């Protein structure tokens, strides 16, 4: 017989005593904690949520449980939000990091991309700003980077700028190195 249990330190139960004082509060089926910090793997949490591991295993896992994961399905997302002081009025999500399937998953194929979205100062919602595609290509201003780094934009804003802020011997630079006998074109760099 299969029963759902919660196990803490080897103490597995299907129910917990309601008369025992707890730092957790219940709201229907939701449990919450409003006073302090939560530590997983540490008794001295330094932040609101502090996860500590001493080996190479994953610290936090987001998992989509679905018999068919198809291209475009979201696998998980972290939101950066704001709200009023008591948390009752949501002031929107200003940024997020999401993972999205890029193919229909099988036991041998499970491509995914990582998507960074932000809200512009004049926007009322967030939009994709950068993507790391399933092949490792990085796109800024595009959802389909076709080389290792693609910067796309409109109205002349598809620029990459490198600045030096201190007067020192190390100059900012982009080095073009030829490979396999290729040549670098004379119009590769334009300076304003």
N, C-alpha and C. Protein backbone atom coordinates (compact mmCIF):
# COMPACT_ATOMS: atom_id res chain seq x y z
N UNK A 1 0.85 -1.18 0.00
CA UNK A 1 0.00 0.00 0.00
C UNK A 1 0.89 1.23 0.00
N UNK A 2 0.62 2.15 -0.91
CA UNK A 2 1.42 3.38 -1.03
C UNK A 2 0.76 4.49 -0.22
N UNK A 3 1.51 5.08 0.67
CA UNK A 3 1.03 6.24 1.41
C UNK A 3 2.03 7.36 1.28
N UNK A 4 1.54 8.58 1.24
CA UNK A 4 2.43 9.74 1.16
C UNK A 4 2.90 10.08 2.56
N UNK A 5 4.21 10.22 2.70
CA UNK A 5 4.78 10.52 4.00
C UNK A 5 5.75 11.68 3.88
N UNK A 6 5.94 12.36 4.96
CA UNK A 6 6.97 13.38 5.09
C UNK A 6 7.99 12.83 6.07
N UNK A 7 9.26 12.84 5.67
CA UNK A 7 10.32 12.30 6.52
C UNK A 7 11.29 13.41 6.91
N UNK A 8 11.53 13.57 8.18
CA UNK A 8 12.53 14.52 8.68
C UNK A 8 13.44 13.74 9.61
N UNK A 9 14.72 13.63 9.23
CA UNK A 9 15.69 12.91 10.05
C UNK A 9 15.29 11.48 10.33
N UNK A 10 14.68 10.79 9.37
CA UNK A 10 14.28 9.40 9.56
C UNK A 10 12.93 9.25 10.24
N UNK A 11 12.31 10.32 10.70
CA UNK A 11 10.99 10.29 11.32
C UNK A 11 9.96 10.51 10.22
N UNK A 12 9.36 9.40 9.72
CA UNK A 12 8.42 9.47 8.59
C UNK A 12 7.00 9.35 9.11
N UNK A 13 6.13 10.28 8.66
CA UNK A 13 4.75 10.29 9.14
C UNK A 13 3.81 10.67 8.00
N UNK A 14 2.57 10.25 8.15
CA UNK A 14 1.53 10.69 7.22
C UNK A 14 0.80 11.90 7.80
N UNK A 15 0.83 12.07 9.10
CA UNK A 15 0.24 13.24 9.76
C UNK A 15 1.19 13.70 10.85
N UNK A 16 1.04 14.94 11.23
CA UNK A 16 1.86 15.51 12.31
C UNK A 16 0.94 16.02 13.39
N UNK A 17 1.36 15.94 14.64
CA UNK A 17 0.51 16.42 15.74
C UNK A 17 0.20 17.91 15.56
N UNK A 18 -1.04 18.28 15.81
CA UNK A 18 -1.43 19.68 15.67
C UNK A 18 -1.22 20.47 16.96
N UNK A 19 -1.03 19.77 18.07
CA UNK A 19 -0.89 20.47 19.35
C UNK A 19 0.55 20.88 19.65
N UNK A 20 1.50 20.37 18.88
CA UNK A 20 2.90 20.71 19.12
C UNK A 20 3.19 22.08 18.53
N UNK A 21 3.81 23.00 19.30
CA UNK A 21 4.12 24.32 18.74
C UNK A 21 5.07 24.20 17.55
N UNK A 22 4.85 25.03 16.54
CA UNK A 22 5.66 24.98 15.35
C UNK A 22 5.93 26.39 14.87
N UNK A 23 7.09 26.59 14.21
CA UNK A 23 7.38 27.90 13.61
C UNK A 23 6.64 28.05 12.29
N UNK A 24 6.10 26.94 11.75
CA UNK A 24 5.37 26.97 10.48
C UNK A 24 3.89 27.21 10.75
N UNK A 25 3.26 27.95 9.88
CA UNK A 25 1.82 28.19 9.95
C UNK A 25 1.17 27.58 8.72
N UNK A 26 -0.11 27.24 8.85
CA UNK A 26 -0.84 26.65 7.73
C UNK A 26 -1.91 27.60 7.24
N UNK A 27 -2.09 27.61 5.90
CA UNK A 27 -3.18 28.33 5.25
C UNK A 27 -3.73 27.37 4.20
N UNK A 28 -4.74 26.60 4.58
CA UNK A 28 -5.24 25.53 3.71
C UNK A 28 -4.17 24.46 3.59
N UNK A 29 -3.73 24.15 2.37
CA UNK A 29 -2.69 23.15 2.18
C UNK A 29 -1.30 23.78 2.07
N UNK A 30 -1.19 25.09 2.25
CA UNK A 30 0.09 25.80 2.16
C UNK A 30 0.69 26.00 3.54
N UNK A 31 1.99 25.76 3.65
CA UNK A 31 2.71 26.03 4.89
C UNK A 31 3.62 27.23 4.65
N UNK A 32 3.75 28.10 5.64
CA UNK A 32 4.60 29.27 5.49
C UNK A 32 5.28 29.63 6.80
N UNK A 33 6.32 30.43 6.68
CA UNK A 33 7.13 30.86 7.81
C UNK A 33 7.48 32.32 7.59
N UNK A 34 7.10 33.19 8.51
CA UNK A 34 7.29 34.62 8.33
C UNK A 34 8.36 35.24 9.21
N UNK A 35 8.92 34.50 10.15
CA UNK A 35 9.79 35.12 11.14
C UNK A 35 11.18 34.53 11.15
N UNK A 36 12.06 35.01 10.30
CA UNK A 36 13.43 34.55 10.35
C UNK A 36 13.91 33.94 9.06
N UNK A 37 14.88 33.03 9.21
CA UNK A 37 15.55 32.43 8.06
C UNK A 37 15.39 30.91 8.11
N UNK A 38 15.44 30.30 6.93
CA UNK A 38 15.30 28.85 6.83
C UNK A 38 16.62 28.27 6.34
N UNK A 39 17.12 27.27 7.04
CA UNK A 39 18.35 26.61 6.65
C UNK A 39 18.10 25.16 6.27
N UNK A 40 18.67 24.76 5.14
CA UNK A 40 18.64 23.36 4.72
C UNK A 40 20.09 22.92 4.66
N UNK A 41 20.46 21.99 5.51
CA UNK A 41 21.86 21.55 5.59
C UNK A 41 22.72 22.48 6.43
N UNK A 42 22.11 23.43 7.12
CA UNK A 42 22.84 24.34 8.01
C UNK A 42 21.94 24.74 9.17
N UNK A 43 22.53 24.92 10.35
CA UNK A 43 21.75 25.39 11.49
C UNK A 43 21.93 26.90 11.69
N UNK A 44 22.74 27.53 10.84
CA UNK A 44 22.97 28.97 10.94
C UNK A 44 22.74 29.63 9.57
N UNK A 45 21.49 29.67 9.11
CA UNK A 45 21.23 30.28 7.80
C UNK A 45 21.59 31.76 7.80
N UNK A 46 22.23 32.20 6.70
CA UNK A 46 22.66 33.58 6.58
C UNK A 46 21.70 34.43 5.77
N UNK A 47 20.81 33.82 5.00
CA UNK A 47 19.85 34.53 4.17
C UNK A 47 18.46 33.95 4.43
N UNK A 48 17.45 34.51 3.79
CA UNK A 48 16.08 34.03 3.97
C UNK A 48 15.98 32.53 3.71
N UNK A 49 16.64 32.05 2.65
CA UNK A 49 16.76 30.61 2.39
C UNK A 49 18.23 30.32 2.14
N UNK A 50 18.80 29.45 2.94
CA UNK A 50 20.21 29.10 2.83
C UNK A 50 20.31 27.59 2.67
N UNK A 51 20.80 27.15 1.51
CA UNK A 51 20.98 25.73 1.23
C UNK A 51 22.46 25.43 1.26
N UNK A 52 22.89 24.45 2.05
CA UNK A 52 24.29 24.11 2.19
C UNK A 52 24.50 22.64 1.84
N UNK A 53 25.47 22.37 0.97
CA UNK A 53 25.83 21.00 0.62
C UNK A 53 27.34 20.85 0.74
N UNK A 54 27.80 19.66 1.08
CA UNK A 54 29.24 19.41 1.21
C UNK A 54 29.78 18.53 0.09
N UNK A 55 28.94 18.22 -0.91
CA UNK A 55 29.40 17.40 -2.02
C UNK A 55 28.95 18.03 -3.34
N UNK A 56 29.08 17.30 -4.44
CA UNK A 56 28.78 17.84 -5.77
C UNK A 56 27.32 17.66 -6.18
N UNK A 57 26.47 17.17 -5.32
CA UNK A 57 25.08 16.95 -5.71
C UNK A 57 24.35 18.28 -5.84
N UNK A 58 23.24 18.27 -6.55
CA UNK A 58 22.46 19.48 -6.77
C UNK A 58 21.93 20.02 -5.46
N UNK A 59 21.95 21.32 -5.33
CA UNK A 59 21.40 21.95 -4.13
C UNK A 59 19.90 22.20 -4.26
N UNK A 60 19.47 22.71 -5.40
CA UNK A 60 18.06 23.00 -5.63
C UNK A 60 17.66 22.41 -6.98
N UNK A 61 16.56 21.69 -7.01
CA UNK A 61 16.09 21.10 -8.25
C UNK A 61 14.68 21.60 -8.54
N UNK A 62 14.46 22.07 -9.76
CA UNK A 62 13.12 22.37 -10.24
C UNK A 62 12.79 21.29 -11.26
N UNK A 63 11.65 20.67 -11.11
CA UNK A 63 11.33 19.53 -11.96
C UNK A 63 9.92 19.65 -12.51
N UNK A 64 9.78 19.45 -13.80
CA UNK A 64 8.46 19.35 -14.42
C UNK A 64 8.13 17.86 -14.53
N UNK A 65 7.05 17.44 -13.91
CA UNK A 65 6.60 16.04 -13.99
C UNK A 65 5.50 15.97 -15.03
N UNK A 66 5.84 15.40 -16.17
CA UNK A 66 4.93 15.40 -17.32
C UNK A 66 5.30 14.21 -18.20
N UNK A 67 4.33 13.45 -18.65
CA UNK A 67 4.61 12.31 -19.51
C UNK A 67 5.15 12.73 -20.87
N UNK A 68 4.81 13.94 -21.33
CA UNK A 68 5.28 14.43 -22.61
C UNK A 68 5.79 15.86 -22.44
N UNK A 69 7.11 16.02 -22.46
CA UNK A 69 7.71 17.35 -22.43
C UNK A 69 8.06 17.69 -23.86
N UNK A 70 7.43 18.74 -24.38
CA UNK A 70 7.58 19.12 -25.77
C UNK A 70 8.37 20.42 -25.89
N UNK A 71 8.86 20.69 -27.08
CA UNK A 71 9.58 21.92 -27.35
C UNK A 71 8.70 23.11 -26.97
N UNK A 72 9.26 24.03 -26.23
CA UNK A 72 8.52 25.21 -25.78
C UNK A 72 7.95 25.09 -24.39
N UNK A 73 7.90 23.87 -23.83
CA UNK A 73 7.40 23.71 -22.46
C UNK A 73 8.39 24.31 -21.47
N UNK A 74 7.88 25.04 -20.50
CA UNK A 74 8.72 25.60 -19.45
C UNK A 74 9.05 24.51 -18.44
N UNK A 75 10.33 24.40 -18.07
CA UNK A 75 10.77 23.37 -17.12
C UNK A 75 10.82 23.90 -15.69
N UNK A 76 11.03 25.18 -15.54
CA UNK A 76 11.09 25.81 -14.23
C UNK A 76 11.44 27.28 -14.40
N UNK A 77 11.13 28.07 -13.37
CA UNK A 77 11.41 29.50 -13.47
C UNK A 77 11.60 30.09 -12.07
N UNK A 78 12.54 31.00 -11.97
CA UNK A 78 12.77 31.76 -10.74
C UNK A 78 12.31 33.19 -11.02
N UNK A 79 11.41 33.72 -10.19
CA UNK A 79 10.90 35.08 -10.35
C UNK A 79 11.52 36.00 -9.32
N UNK A 80 11.80 37.22 -9.71
CA UNK A 80 12.25 38.27 -8.81
C UNK A 80 11.11 39.29 -8.79
N UNK A 81 10.38 39.34 -7.66
CA UNK A 81 9.14 40.11 -7.59
C UNK A 81 9.20 41.15 -6.49
N UNK A 82 8.24 42.05 -6.53
CA UNK A 82 8.06 43.02 -5.46
C UNK A 82 6.61 43.01 -5.02
N UNK A 83 6.37 43.36 -3.75
CA UNK A 83 5.01 43.44 -3.22
C UNK A 83 4.97 44.48 -2.11
N UNK A 84 3.76 44.76 -1.61
CA UNK A 84 3.67 45.66 -0.47
C UNK A 84 4.22 44.96 0.77
N UNK A 85 4.29 45.66 1.90
CA UNK A 85 4.98 45.16 3.10
C UNK A 85 4.42 43.84 3.62
N UNK A 86 3.10 43.65 3.56
CA UNK A 86 2.55 42.39 4.09
C UNK A 86 2.41 41.30 3.04
N UNK A 87 2.85 41.59 1.80
CA UNK A 87 2.86 40.57 0.76
C UNK A 87 1.52 40.31 0.11
N UNK A 88 0.50 41.13 0.42
CA UNK A 88 -0.83 40.86 -0.13
C UNK A 88 -1.04 41.48 -1.51
N UNK A 89 -0.33 42.55 -1.82
CA UNK A 89 -0.48 43.18 -3.13
C UNK A 89 0.79 42.98 -3.93
N UNK A 90 0.67 42.24 -5.02
CA UNK A 90 1.81 41.95 -5.87
C UNK A 90 2.12 43.16 -6.73
N UNK A 91 3.38 43.59 -6.73
CA UNK A 91 3.79 44.73 -7.54
C UNK A 91 4.49 44.29 -8.81
N UNK A 92 4.27 43.06 -9.24
CA UNK A 92 4.76 42.51 -10.50
C UNK A 92 6.14 41.87 -10.37
N UNK A 93 6.46 41.14 -11.42
CA UNK A 93 7.74 40.46 -11.52
C UNK A 93 8.67 41.33 -12.35
N UNK A 94 9.79 41.76 -11.77
CA UNK A 94 10.73 42.62 -12.48
C UNK A 94 11.73 41.86 -13.32
N UNK A 95 11.96 40.59 -13.00
CA UNK A 95 12.93 39.78 -13.75
C UNK A 95 12.66 38.30 -13.47
N UNK A 96 13.19 37.46 -14.35
CA UNK A 96 13.06 36.01 -14.13
C UNK A 96 14.17 35.28 -14.89
N UNK A 97 14.44 34.07 -14.44
CA UNK A 97 15.34 33.14 -15.12
C UNK A 97 14.54 31.86 -15.32
N UNK A 98 14.41 31.42 -16.56
CA UNK A 98 13.59 30.24 -16.85
C UNK A 98 14.36 29.26 -17.72
N UNK A 99 13.96 28.00 -17.63
CA UNK A 99 14.48 26.97 -18.52
C UNK A 99 13.32 26.47 -19.36
N UNK A 100 13.58 26.26 -20.66
CA UNK A 100 12.54 25.85 -21.60
C UNK A 100 13.05 24.71 -22.47
N UNK A 101 12.22 23.69 -22.64
CA UNK A 101 12.57 22.57 -23.52
C UNK A 101 12.68 23.07 -24.96
N UNK A 102 13.68 22.57 -25.69
CA UNK A 102 13.87 22.98 -27.09
C UNK A 102 13.61 21.83 -28.06
N UNK A 103 13.12 20.72 -27.54
CA UNK A 103 12.75 19.58 -28.36
C UNK A 103 11.82 18.71 -27.53
N UNK A 104 11.15 17.78 -28.18
CA UNK A 104 10.35 16.80 -27.44
C UNK A 104 11.31 15.85 -26.75
N UNK A 105 11.15 15.69 -25.45
CA UNK A 105 12.10 14.91 -24.67
C UNK A 105 11.84 13.41 -24.80
N UNK A 106 12.96 12.68 -24.84
CA UNK A 106 12.95 11.22 -24.78
C UNK A 106 14.00 10.83 -23.75
N UNK A 107 14.24 9.55 -23.60
CA UNK A 107 15.27 9.13 -22.65
C UNK A 107 16.67 9.52 -23.11
N UNK A 108 16.83 9.81 -24.42
CA UNK A 108 18.16 10.16 -24.95
C UNK A 108 18.28 11.62 -25.39
N UNK A 109 17.16 12.32 -25.53
CA UNK A 109 17.19 13.70 -26.01
C UNK A 109 16.43 14.60 -25.05
N UNK A 110 17.10 15.59 -24.51
CA UNK A 110 16.45 16.49 -23.56
C UNK A 110 17.06 17.89 -23.62
N UNK A 111 17.03 18.48 -24.82
CA UNK A 111 17.59 19.81 -25.03
C UNK A 111 16.77 20.88 -24.31
N UNK A 112 17.48 21.88 -23.78
CA UNK A 112 16.82 22.97 -23.07
C UNK A 112 17.65 24.24 -23.19
N UNK A 113 16.97 25.37 -23.10
CA UNK A 113 17.65 26.67 -23.10
C UNK A 113 17.40 27.35 -21.76
N UNK A 114 18.20 28.38 -21.48
CA UNK A 114 18.07 29.18 -20.27
C UNK A 114 17.74 30.59 -20.72
N UNK A 115 16.66 31.16 -20.20
CA UNK A 115 16.14 32.44 -20.66
C UNK A 115 16.13 33.45 -19.52
N UNK A 116 16.75 34.61 -19.75
CA UNK A 116 16.80 35.70 -18.78
C UNK A 116 15.86 36.80 -19.26
N UNK A 117 14.88 37.17 -18.45
CA UNK A 117 13.91 38.20 -18.81
C UNK A 117 13.96 39.33 -17.80
N UNK A 118 13.77 40.57 -18.27
CA UNK A 118 13.76 41.75 -17.40
C UNK A 118 12.65 42.69 -17.84
N UNK A 119 12.27 43.58 -16.93
CA UNK A 119 11.30 44.63 -17.25
C UNK A 119 12.06 45.94 -17.44
N UNK A 120 11.88 46.55 -18.59
CA UNK A 120 12.46 47.86 -18.89
C UNK A 120 11.84 48.90 -17.94
N UNK A 121 12.56 49.99 -17.69
CA UNK A 121 12.05 51.04 -16.81
C UNK A 121 10.70 51.59 -17.26
N UNK A 122 10.40 51.55 -18.53
CA UNK A 122 9.15 52.10 -19.04
C UNK A 122 8.11 51.02 -19.33
N UNK A 123 8.41 49.77 -19.02
CA UNK A 123 7.52 48.66 -19.37
C UNK A 123 6.65 48.25 -18.18
N UNK A 124 5.50 47.68 -18.47
CA UNK A 124 4.63 47.16 -17.41
C UNK A 124 4.72 45.64 -17.32
N UNK A 125 5.59 45.04 -18.14
CA UNK A 125 5.81 43.59 -18.08
C UNK A 125 7.24 43.31 -18.51
N UNK A 126 7.70 42.11 -18.21
CA UNK A 126 9.07 41.75 -18.57
C UNK A 126 9.11 41.08 -19.94
N UNK A 127 10.27 41.13 -20.57
CA UNK A 127 10.47 40.46 -21.85
C UNK A 127 11.86 39.85 -21.87
N UNK A 128 12.06 38.91 -22.76
CA UNK A 128 13.33 38.21 -22.85
C UNK A 128 14.44 39.19 -23.24
N UNK A 129 15.55 39.14 -22.49
CA UNK A 129 16.70 40.00 -22.77
C UNK A 129 17.89 39.19 -23.25
N UNK A 130 18.04 37.96 -22.74
CA UNK A 130 19.19 37.14 -23.11
C UNK A 130 18.82 35.66 -23.02
N UNK A 131 19.44 34.88 -23.89
CA UNK A 131 19.17 33.45 -23.93
C UNK A 131 20.48 32.69 -24.11
N UNK A 132 20.61 31.59 -23.38
CA UNK A 132 21.66 30.61 -23.65
C UNK A 132 20.94 29.43 -24.29
N UNK A 133 21.20 29.22 -25.58
CA UNK A 133 20.49 28.20 -26.34
C UNK A 133 21.01 26.81 -25.99
N UNK A 134 20.30 25.80 -26.47
CA UNK A 134 20.66 24.40 -26.19
C UNK A 134 22.03 24.03 -26.72
N UNK A 135 22.53 24.75 -27.72
CA UNK A 135 23.86 24.44 -28.28
C UNK A 135 24.96 25.30 -27.66
N UNK A 136 24.62 26.09 -26.64
CA UNK A 136 25.61 26.92 -25.96
C UNK A 136 25.75 28.32 -26.54
N UNK A 137 25.07 28.61 -27.66
CA UNK A 137 25.12 29.95 -28.23
C UNK A 137 24.38 30.93 -27.31
N UNK A 138 24.91 32.15 -27.21
CA UNK A 138 24.34 33.18 -26.35
C UNK A 138 23.74 34.26 -27.24
N UNK A 139 22.51 34.64 -26.95
CA UNK A 139 21.85 35.69 -27.71
C UNK A 139 21.40 36.81 -26.82
N UNK A 140 21.75 38.03 -27.17
CA UNK A 140 21.26 39.22 -26.49
C UNK A 140 20.40 39.96 -27.51
N UNK A 141 19.12 40.15 -27.18
CA UNK A 141 18.21 40.79 -28.11
C UNK A 141 17.68 39.88 -29.19
N UNK A 142 17.92 38.59 -29.09
CA UNK A 142 17.41 37.62 -30.05
C UNK A 142 17.07 36.32 -29.33
N UNK A 143 16.05 35.64 -29.81
CA UNK A 143 15.69 34.33 -29.24
C UNK A 143 16.34 33.18 -30.01
N UNK A 144 17.07 33.51 -31.08
CA UNK A 144 17.69 32.47 -31.91
C UNK A 144 19.13 32.83 -32.24
N UNK A 145 20.04 32.77 -31.25
CA UNK A 145 21.45 33.08 -31.55
C UNK A 145 22.03 32.03 -32.49
N UNK A 146 22.66 32.49 -33.58
CA UNK A 146 23.14 31.56 -34.60
C UNK A 146 24.65 31.36 -34.57
N UNK A 147 25.37 32.10 -33.72
CA UNK A 147 26.80 31.89 -33.48
C UNK A 147 27.01 31.94 -31.98
N UNK A 148 28.24 31.73 -31.53
CA UNK A 148 28.51 31.66 -30.09
C UNK A 148 28.04 32.89 -29.33
N UNK A 149 28.08 34.09 -29.95
CA UNK A 149 27.53 35.29 -29.33
C UNK A 149 26.84 36.12 -30.41
N UNK A 150 25.54 36.30 -30.27
CA UNK A 150 24.77 37.11 -31.21
C UNK A 150 24.17 38.27 -30.44
N UNK A 151 24.44 39.49 -30.91
CA UNK A 151 23.84 40.69 -30.34
C UNK A 151 22.96 41.29 -31.42
N UNK A 152 21.67 41.43 -31.15
CA UNK A 152 20.73 41.94 -32.14
C UNK A 152 19.96 43.10 -31.55
N UNK A 153 19.59 44.02 -32.39
CA UNK A 153 18.80 45.15 -31.93
C UNK A 153 18.30 45.96 -33.10
N UNK A 154 17.53 46.99 -32.78
CA UNK A 154 16.98 47.88 -33.80
C UNK A 154 17.47 49.30 -33.53
N UNK A 155 17.34 50.17 -34.51
CA UNK A 155 17.68 51.58 -34.36
C UNK A 155 19.12 51.79 -33.88
N UNK A 156 20.04 50.96 -34.33
CA UNK A 156 21.45 51.14 -34.01
C UNK A 156 21.86 50.74 -32.61
N UNK A 157 20.99 50.03 -31.86
CA UNK A 157 21.36 49.66 -30.50
C UNK A 157 21.95 48.25 -30.39
N UNK A 158 22.36 47.65 -31.51
CA UNK A 158 22.99 46.34 -31.49
C UNK A 158 24.51 46.53 -31.45
N UNK A 159 24.98 47.19 -30.42
CA UNK A 159 26.40 47.48 -30.30
C UNK A 159 26.99 46.79 -29.08
N UNK A 160 28.26 46.51 -29.15
CA UNK A 160 29.01 46.02 -28.00
C UNK A 160 30.05 47.07 -27.70
N UNK A 161 30.10 47.53 -26.47
CA UNK A 161 31.03 48.58 -26.09
C UNK A 161 31.93 48.09 -24.98
N UNK A 162 33.22 48.34 -25.13
CA UNK A 162 34.19 47.99 -24.10
C UNK A 162 34.86 49.29 -23.66
N UNK A 163 34.83 49.57 -22.37
CA UNK A 163 35.42 50.80 -21.85
C UNK A 163 36.48 50.50 -20.82
N UNK A 164 37.42 51.42 -20.72
CA UNK A 164 38.43 51.34 -19.66
C UNK A 164 38.14 52.49 -18.71
N UNK A 165 37.96 52.19 -17.42
CA UNK A 165 37.61 53.21 -16.45
C UNK A 165 38.82 53.74 -15.67
N UNK A 166 39.89 52.99 -15.66
CA UNK A 166 41.07 53.42 -14.91
C UNK A 166 42.25 53.57 -15.85
N UNK A 167 43.12 54.49 -15.52
CA UNK A 167 44.31 54.70 -16.32
C UNK A 167 45.37 53.68 -15.88
N UNK A 168 45.43 52.59 -16.61
CA UNK A 168 46.42 51.56 -16.29
C UNK A 168 46.97 50.98 -17.58
N UNK A 169 47.87 50.06 -17.46
CA UNK A 169 48.56 49.52 -18.62
C UNK A 169 47.72 48.51 -19.40
N UNK A 170 46.67 48.01 -18.81
CA UNK A 170 45.85 47.00 -19.48
C UNK A 170 44.76 47.71 -20.28
N UNK A 171 44.81 47.59 -21.57
CA UNK A 171 43.84 48.23 -22.46
C UNK A 171 42.66 47.30 -22.69
N UNK A 172 41.45 47.84 -22.82
CA UNK A 172 40.34 46.98 -23.22
C UNK A 172 40.56 46.54 -24.66
N UNK A 173 40.22 45.31 -24.96
CA UNK A 173 40.50 44.83 -26.31
C UNK A 173 39.58 43.68 -26.68
N UNK A 174 39.38 43.55 -27.97
CA UNK A 174 38.79 42.35 -28.55
C UNK A 174 39.86 41.79 -29.47
N UNK A 175 40.27 40.58 -29.25
CA UNK A 175 41.30 39.96 -30.07
C UNK A 175 40.64 39.06 -31.10
N UNK A 176 40.96 39.29 -32.37
CA UNK A 176 40.50 38.43 -33.45
C UNK A 176 41.66 37.52 -33.82
N UNK A 177 41.44 36.24 -33.65
CA UNK A 177 42.50 35.27 -33.91
C UNK A 177 42.05 34.38 -35.05
N UNK A 178 42.88 34.29 -36.09
CA UNK A 178 42.47 33.46 -37.21
C UNK A 178 42.70 31.99 -36.89
N UNK A 179 41.86 31.18 -37.50
CA UNK A 179 41.90 29.75 -37.25
C UNK A 179 41.81 29.02 -38.58
N UNK A 180 42.57 27.95 -38.73
CA UNK A 180 42.56 27.11 -39.92
C UNK A 180 42.81 27.92 -41.20
N UNK A 181 43.72 28.86 -41.14
CA UNK A 181 44.09 29.60 -42.33
C UNK A 181 43.13 30.70 -42.71
N UNK A 182 42.11 30.99 -41.86
CA UNK A 182 41.15 32.04 -42.20
C UNK A 182 41.81 33.41 -42.02
N UNK A 183 41.24 34.39 -42.67
CA UNK A 183 41.74 35.75 -42.52
C UNK A 183 40.69 36.61 -41.84
N UNK A 184 41.15 37.67 -41.21
CA UNK A 184 40.25 38.61 -40.55
C UNK A 184 40.11 39.81 -41.47
N UNK A 185 38.87 40.17 -41.80
CA UNK A 185 38.62 41.27 -42.72
C UNK A 185 39.09 42.60 -42.18
N UNK A 186 39.44 43.53 -43.06
CA UNK A 186 39.93 44.84 -42.66
C UNK A 186 38.82 45.70 -42.08
N UNK A 187 37.57 45.36 -42.32
CA UNK A 187 36.44 46.14 -41.78
C UNK A 187 35.81 45.46 -40.56
N UNK A 188 36.60 44.66 -39.84
CA UNK A 188 36.06 43.91 -38.72
C UNK A 188 35.76 44.80 -37.53
N UNK A 189 36.47 45.89 -37.34
CA UNK A 189 36.27 46.77 -36.19
C UNK A 189 36.02 48.18 -36.68
N UNK A 190 34.98 48.82 -36.16
CA UNK A 190 34.67 50.21 -36.49
C UNK A 190 34.75 51.00 -35.20
N UNK A 191 35.51 52.05 -35.19
CA UNK A 191 35.66 52.87 -33.99
C UNK A 191 34.93 54.19 -34.19
N UNK A 192 34.09 54.58 -33.22
CA UNK A 192 33.39 55.87 -33.28
C UNK A 192 34.32 56.99 -32.85
